[in-house]
Amino acid sequence: MPPLFSAPEVRRIYRFVDRSGQPHPILDDQFESLDAAWEAAQAWLEDRGLCAEAMPAALAEEFGIEVTTANGHWRTLRHPGQRFLLASSGPLPHPPLA
């Protein structure tokens, strides 16, 4: 017997935002996963000569992240400037989706 209520699978899309909550002026793109978004941001910063030690702080300072909701709106997962969400080493952590 199928479940009484089932939510349709929602395809999540991610994007970067700037300090004013607008799409990021440079990395204004949509990404299929949170990991793909962070990888693009890291690559962009590396291309500009940023050293690995400065990467977590620069990512936290410059990039906020939003995700699409089931109804197609954008929900902010992290605002730019939230340094405490980034670790000093290892892979970049990201907040879990509720």
C-alpha atoms as a PDB file:
ATOM      1  CA  MET A   1       0.000   0.000   0.000  1.00  0.00           C
ATOM      2  CA  PRO A   2       1.494   3.401  -0.981  1.00  0.00           C
ATOM      3  CA  PRO A   3       1.979   6.041   1.723  1.00  0.00           C
ATOM      4  CA  LEU A   4      -1.023   8.245   2.420  1.00  0.00           C
ATOM      5  CA  PHE A   5       0.971  11.428   1.955  1.00  0.00           C
ATOM      6  CA  SER A   6       4.076  11.703  -0.148  1.00  0.00           C
ATOM      7  CA  ALA A   7       5.942  14.835  -1.014  1.00  0.00           C
ATOM      8  CA  PRO A   8       7.183  15.138  -4.573  1.00  0.00           C
ATOM      9  CA  GLU A   9      10.930  15.158  -4.960  1.00  0.00           C
ATOM     10  CA  VAL A  10      12.162  18.728  -5.197  1.00  0.00           C
ATOM     11  CA  ARG A  11      15.171  19.609  -7.328  1.00  0.00           C
ATOM     12  CA  ARG A  12      17.316  22.008  -5.317  1.00  0.00           C
ATOM     13  CA  ILE A  13      19.256  24.773  -7.040  1.00  0.00           C
ATOM     14  CA  TYR A  14      21.847  26.894  -5.230  1.00  0.00           C
ATOM     15  CA  ARG A  15      23.183  30.387  -5.866  1.00  0.00           C
ATOM     16  CA  PHE A  16      25.509  32.863  -4.209  1.00  0.00           C
ATOM     17  CA  VAL A  17      24.354  36.189  -2.823  1.00  0.00           C
ATOM     18  CA  ASP A  18      26.218  39.324  -1.832  1.00  0.00           C
ATOM     19  CA  ARG A  19      25.956  41.343   1.390  1.00  0.00           C
ATOM     20  CA  SER A  20      22.731  43.010   0.235  1.00  0.00           C
ATOM     21  CA  GLY A  21      21.065  39.642  -0.457  1.00  0.00           C
ATOM     22  CA  GLN A  22      21.219  40.069  -4.231  1.00  0.00           C
ATOM     23  CA  PRO A  23      22.688  37.486  -6.614  1.00  0.00           C
ATOM     24  CA  HIS A  24      26.457  37.652  -6.341  1.00  0.00           C
ATOM     25  CA  PRO A  25      27.774  40.175  -8.903  1.00  0.00           C
ATOM     26  CA  ILE A  26      30.606  37.917 -10.098  1.00  0.00           C
ATOM     27  CA  LEU A  27      29.512  34.323  -9.469  1.00  0.00           C
ATOM     28  CA  ASP A  28      25.928  34.910 -10.582  1.00  0.00           C
ATOM     29  CA  ASP A  29      25.197  31.339 -11.573  1.00  0.00           C
ATOM     30  CA  GLN A  30      22.993  28.473 -10.450  1.00  0.00           C
ATOM     31  CA  PHE A  31      24.474  25.230  -9.167  1.00  0.00           C
ATOM     32  CA  GLU A  32      23.054  21.708  -8.990  1.00  0.00           C
ATOM     33  CA  SER A  33      24.544  21.036  -5.558  1.00  0.00           C
ATOM     34  CA  LEU A  34      25.956  22.900  -2.610  1.00  0.00           C
ATOM     35  CA  ASP A  35      29.300  21.168  -3.140  1.00  0.00           C
ATOM     36  CA  ALA A  36      29.399  22.331  -6.773  1.00  0.00           C
ATOM     37  CA  ALA A  37      28.703  25.905  -5.670  1.00  0.00           C
ATOM     38  CA  TRP A  38      31.504  25.900  -3.066  1.00  0.00           C
ATOM     39  CA  GLU A  39      33.904  24.299  -5.557  1.00  0.00           C
ATOM     40  CA  ALA A  40      33.169  27.085  -8.068  1.00  0.00           C
ATOM     41  CA  ALA A  41      33.759  29.756  -5.429  1.00  0.00           C
ATOM     42  CA  GLN A  42      37.025  28.128  -4.340  1.00  0.00           C
ATOM     43  CA  ALA A  43      38.218  27.846  -7.931  1.00  0.00           C
ATOM     44  CA  TRP A  44      37.368  31.495  -8.583  1.00  0.00           C
ATOM     45  CA  LEU A  45      39.296  32.615  -5.490  1.00  0.00           C
ATOM     46  CA  GLU A  46      42.253  30.343  -6.345  1.00  0.00           C
ATOM     47  CA  ASP A  47      42.379  31.814  -9.879  1.00  0.00           C
ATOM     48  CA  ARG A  48      42.817  35.210  -8.231  1.00  0.00           C
ATOM     49  CA  GLY A  49      45.799  33.955  -6.239  1.00  0.00           C
ATOM     50  CA  LEU A  50      44.224  33.460  -2.823  1.00  0.00           C
ATOM     51  CA  CYS A  51      46.276  31.097  -0.642  1.00  0.00           C
ATOM     52  CA  ALA A  52      44.694  28.026   0.951  1.00  0.00           C
ATOM     53  CA  GLU A  53      45.024  29.411   4.484  1.00  0.00           C
ATOM     54  CA  ALA A  54      42.923  32.464   3.589  1.00  0.00           C
ATOM     55  CA  MET A  55      40.273  30.471   1.699  1.00  0.00           C
ATOM     56  CA  PRO A  56      37.792  29.706   4.535  1.00  0.00           C
ATOM     57  CA  ALA A  57      37.688  33.319   5.714  1.00  0.00           C
ATOM     58  CA  ALA A  58      37.335  34.676   2.173  1.00  0.00           C
ATOM     59  CA  LEU A  59      34.516  32.259   1.327  1.00  0.00           C
ATOM     60  CA  ALA A  60      32.663  33.134   4.509  1.00  0.00           C
ATOM     61  CA  GLU A  61      33.169  36.859   4.069  1.00  0.00           C
ATOM     62  CA  GLU A  62      32.306  37.144   0.390  1.00  0.00           C
ATOM     63  CA  PHE A  63      29.656  34.529  -0.304  1.00  0.00           C
ATOM     64  CA  GLY A  64      26.206  33.919   1.096  1.00  0.00           C
ATOM     65  CA  ILE A  65      24.240  30.968  -0.250  1.00  0.00           C
ATOM     66  CA  GLU A  66      20.578  30.462  -1.147  1.00  0.00           C
ATOM     67  CA  VAL A  67      18.601  27.400  -2.196  1.00  0.00           C
ATOM     68  CA  THR A  68      15.338  27.029  -4.069  1.00  0.00           C
ATOM     69  CA  THR A  69      12.317  25.939  -2.079  1.00  0.00           C
ATOM     70  CA  ALA A  70       9.582  23.565  -3.207  1.00  0.00           C
ATOM     71  CA  ASN A  71       7.472  26.517  -4.386  1.00  0.00           C
ATOM     72  CA  GLY A  72      10.330  28.032  -6.397  1.00  0.00           C
ATOM     73  CA  HIS A  73      11.337  30.819  -4.033  1.00  0.00           C
ATOM     74  CA  TRP A  74      14.849  31.356  -2.699  1.00  0.00           C
ATOM     75  CA  ARG A  75      15.721  30.611   0.936  1.00  0.00           C
ATOM     76  CA  THR A  76      18.920  31.926   2.492  1.00  0.00           C
ATOM     77  CA  LEU A  77      21.057  29.197   4.015  1.00  0.00           C
ATOM     78  CA  ARG A  78      23.938  31.457   5.016  1.00  0.00           C
ATOM     79  CA  HIS A  79      24.575  35.194   4.815  1.00  0.00           C
ATOM     80  CA  PRO A  80      27.978  36.581   3.803  1.00  0.00           C
ATOM     81  CA  GLY A  81      30.166  37.364   6.788  1.00  0.00           C
ATOM     82  CA  GLN A  82      29.176  34.336   8.884  1.00  0.00           C
ATOM     83  CA  ARG A  83      32.707  33.089   9.522  1.00  0.00           C
ATOM     84  CA  PHE A  84      31.768  30.746  12.346  1.00  0.00           C
ATOM     85  CA  LEU A  85      30.226  28.272   9.899  1.00  0.00           C
ATOM     86  CA  LEU A  86      33.550  27.523   8.224  1.00  0.00           C
ATOM     87  CA  ALA A  87      36.218  25.256   9.656  1.00  0.00           C
ATOM     88  CA  SER A  88      39.891  26.124   9.484  1.00  0.00           C
ATOM     89  CA  SER A  89      40.775  22.840   7.777  1.00  0.00           C
ATOM     90  CA  GLY A  90      39.106  19.987   5.984  1.00  0.00           C
ATOM     91  CA  PRO A  91      36.169  20.166   3.589  1.00  0.00           C
ATOM     92  CA  LEU A  92      33.889  23.164   3.689  1.00  0.00           C
ATOM     93  CA  PRO A  93      30.905  22.441   5.907  1.00  0.00           C
ATOM     94  CA  HIS A  94      27.470  23.589   4.917  1.00  0.00           C
ATOM     95  CA  PRO A  95      24.230  23.749   6.855  1.00  0.00           C
ATOM     96  CA  PRO A  96      21.886  20.778   6.453  1.00  0.00           C
ATOM     97  CA  LEU A  97      18.607  21.321   4.641  1.00  0.00           C
ATOM     98  CA  ALA A  98      15.573  21.013   6.821  1.00  0.00           C
END
